[in-house]
Amino acid sequence: MMNFLDWISGLDWSVIAGVIGAATGIVSLVKVSKLKSLDLRMERGKVINTIRVKLDSLNDLCQKADQSRVYRFAAQGLSQSGSMEKWKKELERHQEAIKDLSDGFSILKDEKVSGDKLEKNILELHGIDEQIKSILDDLKSSIAEDDVARDRLFRMKFENQNKAAG
């Protein structure tokens, strides 16, 4: 009969180490895969929340930008001008784009996705986010431009009143 120590000394330890290494590698791969999936789902959730907040603020910002432009053009006596018509068309384009982005967002956020589709979904959501940022920046710069123009008009009017009085 073979002694236990004789049996152990007869084993090829490199084979055993290889089997243990392969098993450890498989376990690690499964864990990394689960972590990657969790990380992607968390990223998707963050992007969805960011887009939701930005979309909610876009409609209010459109109204503020329109009101700002209307006040500016009224102060300049340009309420019925071609510039006002151009603004209305630009605002309409923004509102149509917002509606399209909102519709696309609704579809993407409600999709049940996993694996490779999850990565593609996140990229599509990032695309929507970038388009929303562009519209937000455009509307904010429009409001800032109107503020500067109204301030300039106010200063000119104030200077003219001072000249007339003094």
N, C-alpha and C. Protein backbone atom coordinates (compact mmCIF):
# COMPACT_ATOMS: atom_id res chain seq x y z
N MET A 1 0.80 -1.18 0.00
CA MET A 1 0.00 0.00 0.00
C MET A 1 0.84 1.25 0.00
N MET A 2 0.34 2.22 -0.73
CA MET A 2 1.09 3.45 -0.88
C MET A 2 0.81 4.38 0.29
N ASN A 3 1.86 4.90 0.79
CA ASN A 3 1.81 5.85 1.89
C ASN A 3 1.35 7.22 1.34
N PHE A 4 0.63 7.99 2.17
CA PHE A 4 0.11 9.31 1.77
C PHE A 4 1.26 10.23 1.36
N LEU A 5 2.36 10.19 2.07
CA LEU A 5 3.50 11.04 1.75
C LEU A 5 4.13 10.63 0.43
N ASP A 6 4.13 9.34 0.16
CA ASP A 6 4.66 8.88 -1.12
C ASP A 6 3.76 9.35 -2.27
N TRP A 7 2.48 9.31 -2.01
CA TRP A 7 1.50 9.74 -3.04
C TRP A 7 1.66 11.24 -3.33
N ILE A 8 1.81 12.07 -2.27
CA ILE A 8 1.97 13.51 -2.45
C ILE A 8 3.28 13.81 -3.16
N SER A 9 4.33 13.12 -2.81
CA SER A 9 5.62 13.39 -3.44
C SER A 9 5.61 12.99 -4.90
N GLY A 10 4.72 12.14 -5.30
CA GLY A 10 4.65 11.70 -6.69
C GLY A 10 3.82 12.62 -7.57
N LEU A 11 3.13 13.59 -6.98
CA LEU A 11 2.29 14.50 -7.77
C LEU A 11 3.14 15.51 -8.51
N ASP A 12 2.62 15.94 -9.67
CA ASP A 12 3.28 17.00 -10.44
C ASP A 12 2.70 18.32 -9.97
N TRP A 13 3.45 19.03 -9.17
CA TRP A 13 2.95 20.26 -8.55
C TRP A 13 2.71 21.38 -9.55
N SER A 14 3.38 21.36 -10.66
CA SER A 14 3.15 22.41 -11.67
C SER A 14 1.76 22.27 -12.29
N VAL A 15 1.30 21.02 -12.44
CA VAL A 15 -0.05 20.80 -12.95
C VAL A 15 -1.08 21.29 -11.95
N ILE A 16 -0.88 20.97 -10.69
CA ILE A 16 -1.80 21.40 -9.64
C ILE A 16 -1.84 22.93 -9.56
N ALA A 17 -0.66 23.55 -9.62
CA ALA A 17 -0.61 25.02 -9.59
C ALA A 17 -1.33 25.61 -10.79
N GLY A 18 -1.21 24.97 -11.95
CA GLY A 18 -1.89 25.44 -13.15
C GLY A 18 -3.40 25.36 -13.02
N VAL A 19 -3.89 24.24 -12.46
CA VAL A 19 -5.33 24.06 -12.26
C VAL A 19 -5.85 25.10 -11.28
N ILE A 20 -5.13 25.30 -10.19
CA ILE A 20 -5.54 26.30 -9.20
C ILE A 20 -5.52 27.70 -9.82
N GLY A 21 -4.51 28.01 -10.61
CA GLY A 21 -4.42 29.31 -11.29
C GLY A 21 -5.56 29.53 -12.25
N ALA A 22 -5.92 28.48 -13.01
CA ALA A 22 -7.03 28.59 -13.96
C ALA A 22 -8.34 28.83 -13.22
N ALA A 23 -8.55 28.09 -12.14
CA ALA A 23 -9.78 28.26 -11.36
C ALA A 23 -9.85 29.66 -10.77
N THR A 24 -8.74 30.15 -10.24
CA THR A 24 -8.70 31.50 -9.68
C THR A 24 -8.98 32.54 -10.76
N GLY A 25 -8.41 32.33 -11.94
CA GLY A 25 -8.63 33.25 -13.06
C GLY A 25 -10.09 33.31 -13.48
N ILE A 26 -10.73 32.16 -13.53
CA ILE A 26 -12.15 32.11 -13.90
C ILE A 26 -13.00 32.84 -12.88
N VAL A 27 -12.74 32.60 -11.60
CA VAL A 27 -13.50 33.29 -10.54
C VAL A 27 -13.29 34.80 -10.65
N SER A 28 -12.05 35.23 -10.88
CA SER A 28 -11.75 36.66 -11.00
C SER A 28 -12.45 37.26 -12.22
N LEU A 29 -12.46 36.54 -13.32
CA LEU A 29 -13.11 37.01 -14.53
C LEU A 29 -14.61 37.21 -14.31
N VAL A 30 -15.23 36.28 -13.64
CA VAL A 30 -16.66 36.38 -13.34
C VAL A 30 -16.93 37.60 -12.46
N LYS A 31 -16.08 37.80 -11.43
CA LYS A 31 -16.26 38.95 -10.54
C LYS A 31 -16.07 40.27 -11.29
N VAL A 32 -15.05 40.36 -12.13
CA VAL A 32 -14.78 41.58 -12.90
C VAL A 32 -15.94 41.86 -13.85
N SER A 33 -16.46 40.82 -14.47
CA SER A 33 -17.58 40.98 -15.38
C SER A 33 -18.80 41.55 -14.66
N LYS A 34 -19.06 41.02 -13.47
CA LYS A 34 -20.20 41.53 -12.68
C LYS A 34 -19.97 42.98 -12.28
N LEU A 35 -18.74 43.32 -11.89
CA LEU A 35 -18.43 44.70 -11.51
C LEU A 35 -18.56 45.64 -12.70
N LYS A 36 -18.11 45.21 -13.87
CA LYS A 36 -18.23 46.04 -15.06
C LYS A 36 -19.70 46.30 -15.38
N SER A 37 -20.50 45.26 -15.30
CA SER A 37 -21.93 45.41 -15.56
C SER A 37 -22.56 46.37 -14.57
N LEU A 38 -22.21 46.24 -13.31
CA LEU A 38 -22.74 47.14 -12.28
C LEU A 38 -22.28 48.57 -12.54
N ASP A 39 -21.02 48.74 -12.90
CA ASP A 39 -20.49 50.06 -13.20
C ASP A 39 -21.21 50.71 -14.38
N LEU A 40 -21.46 49.92 -15.42
CA LEU A 40 -22.19 50.44 -16.58
C LEU A 40 -23.63 50.81 -16.23
N ARG A 41 -24.26 50.02 -15.41
CA ARG A 41 -25.64 50.33 -15.00
C ARG A 41 -25.68 51.60 -14.15
N MET A 42 -24.67 51.76 -13.30
CA MET A 42 -24.61 52.99 -12.50
C MET A 42 -24.37 54.20 -13.40
N GLU A 43 -23.49 54.07 -14.38
CA GLU A 43 -23.23 55.16 -15.33
C GLU A 43 -24.50 55.49 -16.10
N ARG A 44 -25.22 54.49 -16.53
CA ARG A 44 -26.47 54.71 -17.26
C ARG A 44 -27.47 55.46 -16.38
N GLY A 45 -27.58 55.05 -15.13
CA GLY A 45 -28.50 55.73 -14.21
C GLY A 45 -28.13 57.19 -14.00
N LYS A 46 -26.84 57.46 -13.87
CA LYS A 46 -26.39 58.85 -13.70
C LYS A 46 -26.71 59.69 -14.93
N VAL A 47 -26.47 59.14 -16.10
CA VAL A 47 -26.74 59.87 -17.34
C VAL A 47 -28.24 60.11 -17.49
N ILE A 48 -29.04 59.12 -17.18
CA ILE A 48 -30.50 59.28 -17.27
C ILE A 48 -30.97 60.39 -16.34
N ASN A 49 -30.48 60.41 -15.11
CA ASN A 49 -30.88 61.47 -14.17
C ASN A 49 -30.42 62.84 -14.63
N THR A 50 -29.21 62.93 -15.15
CA THR A 50 -28.69 64.20 -15.66
C THR A 50 -29.54 64.71 -16.81
N ILE A 51 -29.87 63.84 -17.74
CA ILE A 51 -30.69 64.24 -18.88
C ILE A 51 -32.08 64.66 -18.43
N ARG A 52 -32.66 63.92 -17.50
CA ARG A 52 -34.00 64.25 -17.01
C ARG A 52 -34.02 65.67 -16.43
N VAL A 53 -33.03 66.00 -15.62
CA VAL A 53 -32.96 67.34 -15.01
C VAL A 53 -32.78 68.41 -16.08
N LYS A 54 -31.90 68.15 -17.04
CA LYS A 54 -31.65 69.14 -18.09
C LYS A 54 -32.87 69.34 -18.97
N LEU A 55 -33.56 68.24 -19.31
CA LEU A 55 -34.77 68.37 -20.13
C LEU A 55 -35.84 69.16 -19.39
N ASP A 56 -35.98 68.93 -18.09
CA ASP A 56 -36.96 69.68 -17.31
C ASP A 56 -36.65 71.18 -17.32
N SER A 57 -35.38 71.53 -17.29
CA SER A 57 -35.01 72.95 -17.25
C SER A 57 -35.06 73.60 -18.63
N LEU A 58 -35.01 72.80 -19.69
CA LEU A 58 -34.97 73.37 -21.04
C LEU A 58 -36.23 74.15 -21.39
N ASN A 59 -37.39 73.64 -21.06
CA ASN A 59 -38.62 74.34 -21.41
C ASN A 59 -38.71 75.68 -20.70
N ASP A 60 -38.33 75.72 -19.42
CA ASP A 60 -38.32 76.99 -18.69
C ASP A 60 -37.31 77.95 -19.31
N LEU A 61 -36.16 77.43 -19.67
CA LEU A 61 -35.14 78.29 -20.25
C LEU A 61 -35.58 78.82 -21.61
N CYS A 62 -36.29 78.03 -22.38
CA CYS A 62 -36.83 78.51 -23.66
C CYS A 62 -37.77 79.69 -23.43
N GLN A 63 -38.63 79.57 -22.44
CA GLN A 63 -39.56 80.66 -22.13
C GLN A 63 -38.80 81.90 -21.68
N LYS A 64 -37.80 81.73 -20.82
CA LYS A 64 -37.01 82.87 -20.35
C LYS A 64 -36.26 83.53 -21.50
N ALA A 65 -35.68 82.71 -22.38
CA ALA A 65 -34.94 83.26 -23.52
C ALA A 65 -35.88 84.01 -24.46
N ASP A 66 -37.07 83.48 -24.68
CA ASP A 66 -38.04 84.16 -25.54
C ASP A 66 -38.48 85.48 -24.91
N GLN A 67 -38.80 85.44 -23.64
CA GLN A 67 -39.22 86.66 -22.94
C GLN A 67 -38.10 87.70 -22.96
N SER A 68 -36.88 87.26 -22.75
CA SER A 68 -35.73 88.16 -22.77
C SER A 68 -35.58 88.81 -24.14
N ARG A 69 -35.70 88.01 -25.19
CA ARG A 69 -35.55 88.55 -26.55
C ARG A 69 -36.71 89.49 -26.90
N VAL A 70 -37.90 89.14 -26.50
CA VAL A 70 -39.06 90.00 -26.77
C VAL A 70 -38.87 91.35 -26.07
N TYR A 71 -38.45 91.34 -24.81
CA TYR A 71 -38.22 92.60 -24.08
C TYR A 71 -37.13 93.42 -24.73
N ARG A 72 -36.07 92.75 -25.14
CA ARG A 72 -34.95 93.47 -25.78
C ARG A 72 -35.41 94.13 -27.07
N PHE A 73 -36.07 93.36 -27.93
CA PHE A 73 -36.51 93.92 -29.21
C PHE A 73 -37.56 95.01 -29.01
N ALA A 74 -38.40 94.86 -28.01
CA ALA A 74 -39.39 95.91 -27.73
C ALA A 74 -38.68 97.19 -27.30
N ALA A 75 -37.66 97.06 -26.48
CA ALA A 75 -36.90 98.23 -26.03
C ALA A 75 -36.17 98.90 -27.19
N GLN A 76 -35.79 98.11 -28.16
CA GLN A 76 -35.09 98.65 -29.33
C GLN A 76 -36.05 99.09 -30.43
N GLY A 77 -37.34 98.83 -30.24
CA GLY A 77 -38.32 99.17 -31.28
C GLY A 77 -38.28 98.20 -32.44
N LEU A 78 -37.90 96.96 -32.19
CA LEU A 78 -37.75 95.96 -33.25
C LEU A 78 -38.74 94.80 -33.11
N SER A 79 -39.87 95.04 -32.47
CA SER A 79 -40.82 93.95 -32.19
C SER A 79 -41.35 93.29 -33.45
N GLN A 80 -41.48 94.04 -34.53
CA GLN A 80 -42.03 93.48 -35.77
C GLN A 80 -40.96 93.35 -36.84
N SER A 81 -39.71 93.23 -36.44
CA SER A 81 -38.59 93.22 -37.39
C SER A 81 -38.28 91.82 -37.91
N GLY A 82 -37.43 91.81 -38.93
CA GLY A 82 -36.94 90.54 -39.46
C GLY A 82 -36.10 89.80 -38.43
N SER A 83 -35.41 90.56 -37.57
CA SER A 83 -34.62 89.94 -36.51
C SER A 83 -35.52 89.17 -35.55
N MET A 84 -36.70 89.74 -35.28
CA MET A 84 -37.64 89.07 -34.38
C MET A 84 -38.17 87.79 -35.04
N GLU A 85 -38.44 87.86 -36.32
CA GLU A 85 -38.91 86.68 -37.05
C GLU A 85 -37.82 85.59 -37.06
N LYS A 86 -36.59 86.02 -37.26
CA LYS A 86 -35.47 85.08 -37.24
C LYS A 86 -35.37 84.41 -35.88
N TRP A 87 -35.53 85.20 -34.81
CA TRP A 87 -35.49 84.64 -33.45
C TRP A 87 -36.60 83.62 -33.24
N LYS A 88 -37.80 83.97 -33.68
CA LYS A 88 -38.94 83.05 -33.50
C LYS A 88 -38.68 81.71 -34.20
N LYS A 89 -38.09 81.77 -35.39
CA LYS A 89 -37.77 80.53 -36.12
C LYS A 89 -36.69 79.73 -35.39
N GLU A 90 -35.69 80.44 -34.88
CA GLU A 90 -34.63 79.76 -34.13
C GLU A 90 -35.19 79.10 -32.87
N LEU A 91 -36.05 79.82 -32.17
CA LEU A 91 -36.67 79.27 -30.96
C LEU A 91 -37.53 78.06 -31.31
N GLU A 92 -38.25 78.14 -32.41
CA GLU A 92 -39.08 77.01 -32.85
C GLU A 92 -38.21 75.79 -33.17
N ARG A 93 -37.06 76.01 -33.80
CA ARG A 93 -36.13 74.90 -34.08
C ARG A 93 -35.64 74.26 -32.79
N HIS A 94 -35.33 75.12 -31.80
CA HIS A 94 -34.89 74.59 -30.51
C HIS A 94 -36.00 73.76 -29.86
N GLN A 95 -37.22 74.25 -29.91
CA GLN A 95 -38.34 73.53 -29.28
C GLN A 95 -38.60 72.21 -29.98
N GLU A 96 -38.47 72.18 -31.30
CA GLU A 96 -38.63 70.91 -32.04
C GLU A 96 -37.51 69.94 -31.67
N ALA A 97 -36.29 70.45 -31.57
CA ALA A 97 -35.15 69.61 -31.19
C ALA A 97 -35.34 69.06 -29.78
N ILE A 98 -35.84 69.90 -28.88
CA ILE A 98 -36.09 69.46 -27.51
C ILE A 98 -37.13 68.34 -27.49
N LYS A 99 -38.17 68.49 -28.29
CA LYS A 99 -39.21 67.45 -28.35
C LYS A 99 -38.62 66.15 -28.90
N ASP A 100 -37.83 66.25 -29.96
CA ASP A 100 -37.20 65.05 -30.53
C ASP A 100 -36.26 64.39 -29.53
N LEU A 101 -35.45 65.20 -28.84
CA LEU A 101 -34.54 64.66 -27.83
C LEU A 101 -35.31 64.01 -26.69
N SER A 102 -36.39 64.64 -26.29
CA SER A 102 -37.22 64.10 -25.21
C SER A 102 -37.84 62.76 -25.61
N ASP A 103 -38.32 62.70 -26.84
CA ASP A 103 -38.90 61.44 -27.34
C ASP A 103 -37.84 60.34 -27.41
N GLY A 104 -36.67 60.67 -27.94
CA GLY A 104 -35.57 59.70 -28.02
C GLY A 104 -35.12 59.25 -26.64
N PHE A 105 -35.07 60.20 -25.73
CA PHE A 105 -34.68 59.89 -24.35
C PHE A 105 -35.67 58.93 -23.71
N SER A 106 -36.96 59.18 -23.91
CA SER A 106 -37.99 58.30 -23.33
C SER A 106 -37.82 56.86 -23.80
N ILE A 107 -37.52 56.71 -25.07
CA ILE A 107 -37.33 55.36 -25.63
C ILE A 107 -36.09 54.71 -25.02
N LEU A 108 -34.98 55.45 -25.00
CA LEU A 108 -33.72 54.88 -24.50
C LEU A 108 -33.76 54.55 -23.02
N LYS A 109 -34.39 55.42 -22.22
CA LYS A 109 -34.38 55.18 -20.77
C LYS A 109 -35.29 54.02 -20.39
N ASP A 110 -36.29 53.74 -21.20
CA ASP A 110 -37.22 52.65 -20.88
C ASP A 110 -36.78 51.30 -21.44
N GLU A 111 -35.73 51.31 -22.27
CA GLU A 111 -35.24 50.05 -22.84
C GLU A 111 -34.66 49.16 -21.75
N LYS A 112 -34.91 47.88 -21.86
CA LYS A 112 -34.27 46.88 -21.00
C LYS A 112 -33.02 46.42 -21.75
N VAL A 113 -31.86 46.79 -21.23
CA VAL A 113 -30.62 46.51 -21.95
C VAL A 113 -29.64 45.75 -21.06
N SER A 114 -28.78 44.98 -21.73
CA SER A 114 -27.71 44.27 -21.02
C SER A 114 -26.58 44.02 -22.00
N GLY A 115 -25.43 43.71 -21.46
CA GLY A 115 -24.27 43.35 -22.28
C GLY A 115 -23.83 44.47 -23.20
N ASP A 116 -23.58 44.12 -24.46
CA ASP A 116 -23.12 45.09 -25.46
C ASP A 116 -24.16 46.17 -25.71
N LYS A 117 -25.42 45.83 -25.59
CA LYS A 117 -26.48 46.82 -25.80
C LYS A 117 -26.43 47.90 -24.71
N LEU A 118 -25.99 47.53 -23.53
CA LEU A 118 -25.88 48.49 -22.44
C LEU A 118 -24.86 49.58 -22.78
N GLU A 119 -23.73 49.18 -23.31
CA GLU A 119 -22.71 50.16 -23.71
C GLU A 119 -23.23 51.06 -24.82
N LYS A 120 -23.89 50.50 -25.80
CA LYS A 120 -24.45 51.28 -26.92
C LYS A 120 -25.51 52.24 -26.40
N ASN A 121 -26.35 51.79 -25.47
CA ASN A 121 -27.39 52.63 -24.89
C ASN A 121 -26.78 53.82 -24.16
N ILE A 122 -25.72 53.58 -23.42
CA ILE A 122 -25.05 54.66 -22.69
C ILE A 122 -24.47 55.67 -23.67
N LEU A 123 -23.86 55.21 -24.74
CA LEU A 123 -23.30 56.12 -25.75
C LEU A 123 -24.39 56.96 -26.40
N GLU A 124 -25.54 56.35 -26.68
CA GLU A 124 -26.65 57.09 -27.27
C GLU A 124 -27.18 58.13 -26.28
N LEU A 125 -27.25 57.77 -25.01
CA LEU A 125 -27.69 58.71 -23.98
C LEU A 125 -26.71 59.88 -23.85
N HIS A 126 -25.41 59.59 -23.93
CA HIS A 126 -24.40 60.65 -23.89
C HIS A 126 -24.57 61.58 -25.10
N GLY A 127 -24.93 61.04 -26.24
CA GLY A 127 -25.19 61.85 -27.43
C GLY A 127 -26.34 62.82 -27.20
N ILE A 128 -27.41 62.33 -26.60
CA ILE A 128 -28.55 63.19 -26.28
C ILE A 128 -28.12 64.26 -25.30
N ASP A 129 -27.34 63.88 -24.30
CA ASP A 129 -26.86 64.84 -23.30
C ASP A 129 -26.05 65.95 -23.96
N GLU A 130 -25.19 65.60 -24.90
CA GLU A 130 -24.38 66.62 -25.58
C GLU A 130 -25.25 67.57 -26.40
N GLN A 131 -26.27 67.05 -27.05
CA GLN A 131 -27.18 67.91 -27.82
C GLN A 131 -27.95 68.85 -26.90
N ILE A 132 -28.36 68.34 -25.75
CA ILE A 132 -29.05 69.18 -24.77
C ILE A 132 -28.12 70.27 -24.27
N LYS A 133 -26.86 69.93 -23.98
CA LYS A 133 -25.88 70.93 -23.55
C LYS A 133 -25.75 72.04 -24.58
N SER A 134 -25.73 71.67 -25.83
CA SER A 134 -25.59 72.65 -26.91
C SER A 134 -26.77 73.62 -26.91
N ILE A 135 -27.98 73.10 -26.78
CA ILE A 135 -29.16 73.96 -26.75
C ILE A 135 -29.16 74.84 -25.51
N LEU A 136 -28.82 74.26 -24.37
CA LEU A 136 -28.74 75.04 -23.13
C LEU A 136 -27.74 76.19 -23.28
N ASP A 137 -26.57 75.89 -23.81
CA ASP A 137 -25.55 76.93 -23.99
C ASP A 137 -26.04 78.02 -24.93
N ASP A 138 -26.71 77.61 -26.00
CA ASP A 138 -27.22 78.58 -26.97
C ASP A 138 -28.26 79.50 -26.33
N LEU A 139 -29.18 78.92 -25.57
CA LEU A 139 -30.21 79.73 -24.92
C LEU A 139 -29.62 80.65 -23.86
N LYS A 140 -28.68 80.13 -23.08
CA LYS A 140 -28.04 80.96 -22.05
C LYS A 140 -27.26 82.11 -22.67
N SER A 141 -26.57 81.85 -23.76
CA SER A 141 -25.82 82.93 -24.41
C SER A 141 -26.77 83.95 -25.02
N SER A 142 -27.91 83.52 -25.49
CA SER A 142 -28.92 84.44 -26.01
C SER A 142 -29.42 85.38 -24.91
N ILE A 143 -29.69 84.82 -23.75
CA ILE A 143 -30.15 85.63 -22.62
C ILE A 143 -29.06 86.62 -22.20
N ALA A 144 -27.82 86.15 -22.14
CA ALA A 144 -26.71 87.03 -21.77
C ALA A 144 -26.54 88.16 -22.78
N GLU A 145 -26.67 87.83 -24.05
CA GLU A 145 -26.59 88.84 -25.11
C GLU A 145 -27.70 89.89 -24.94
N ASP A 146 -28.89 89.43 -24.64
CA ASP A 146 -30.02 90.36 -24.42
C ASP A 146 -29.77 91.25 -23.21
N ASP A 147 -29.21 90.68 -22.15
CA ASP A 147 -28.91 91.46 -20.95
C ASP A 147 -27.92 92.58 -21.26
N VAL A 148 -26.90 92.26 -22.03
CA VAL A 148 -25.90 93.27 -22.41
C VAL A 148 -26.56 94.35 -23.26
N ALA A 149 -27.37 93.95 -24.23
CA ALA A 149 -28.03 94.92 -25.12
C ALA A 149 -28.98 95.83 -24.33
N ARG A 150 -29.75 95.26 -23.42
CA ARG A 150 -30.67 96.08 -22.61
C ARG A 150 -29.89 97.04 -21.70
N ASP A 151 -28.79 96.55 -21.14
CA ASP A 151 -27.96 97.40 -20.29
C ASP A 151 -27.39 98.56 -21.10
N ARG A 152 -26.93 98.28 -22.29
CA ARG A 152 -26.40 99.32 -23.17
C ARG A 152 -27.49 100.36 -23.50
N LEU A 153 -28.69 99.88 -23.79
CA LEU A 153 -29.80 100.80 -24.08
C LEU A 153 -30.13 101.67 -22.87
N PHE A 154 -30.13 101.07 -21.69
CA PHE A 154 -30.42 101.82 -20.47
C PHE A 154 -29.37 102.90 -20.24
N ARG A 155 -28.09 102.53 -20.41
CA ARG A 155 -27.02 103.51 -20.20
C ARG A 155 -27.11 104.64 -21.22
N MET A 156 -27.42 104.33 -22.47
CA MET A 156 -27.56 105.37 -23.50
C MET A 156 -28.71 106.31 -23.16
N LYS A 157 -29.82 105.74 -22.73
CA LYS A 157 -30.99 106.55 -22.37
C LYS A 157 -30.66 107.43 -21.17
N PHE A 158 -29.97 106.88 -20.18
CA PHE A 158 -29.60 107.63 -18.99
C PHE A 158 -28.64 108.77 -19.34
N GLU A 159 -27.66 108.47 -20.23
CA GLU A 159 -26.72 109.50 -20.65
C GLU A 159 -27.43 110.61 -21.41
N ASN A 160 -28.37 110.24 -22.28
CA ASN A 160 -29.12 111.25 -23.05
C ASN A 160 -29.97 112.13 -22.12
N GLN A 161 -30.56 111.53 -21.09
CA GLN A 161 -31.34 112.32 -20.13
C GLN A 161 -30.45 113.28 -19.37
N ASN A 162 -29.27 112.84 -18.99
CA ASN A 162 -28.31 113.69 -18.27
C ASN A 162 -27.84 114.84 -19.15
N LYS A 163 -27.60 114.57 -20.43
CA LYS A 163 -27.17 115.62 -21.37
C LYS A 163 -28.28 116.66 -21.53
N ALA A 164 -29.53 116.16 -21.66
CA ALA A 164 -30.65 117.08 -21.83
C ALA A 164 -30.88 117.92 -20.58
N ALA A 165 -30.64 117.36 -19.43
CA ALA A 165 -30.87 118.08 -18.17
C ALA A 165 -29.70 119.00 -17.83
N GLY A 166 -28.53 118.66 -18.30
CA GLY A 166 -27.37 119.40 -17.81
C GLY A 166 -26.72 120.25 -18.79
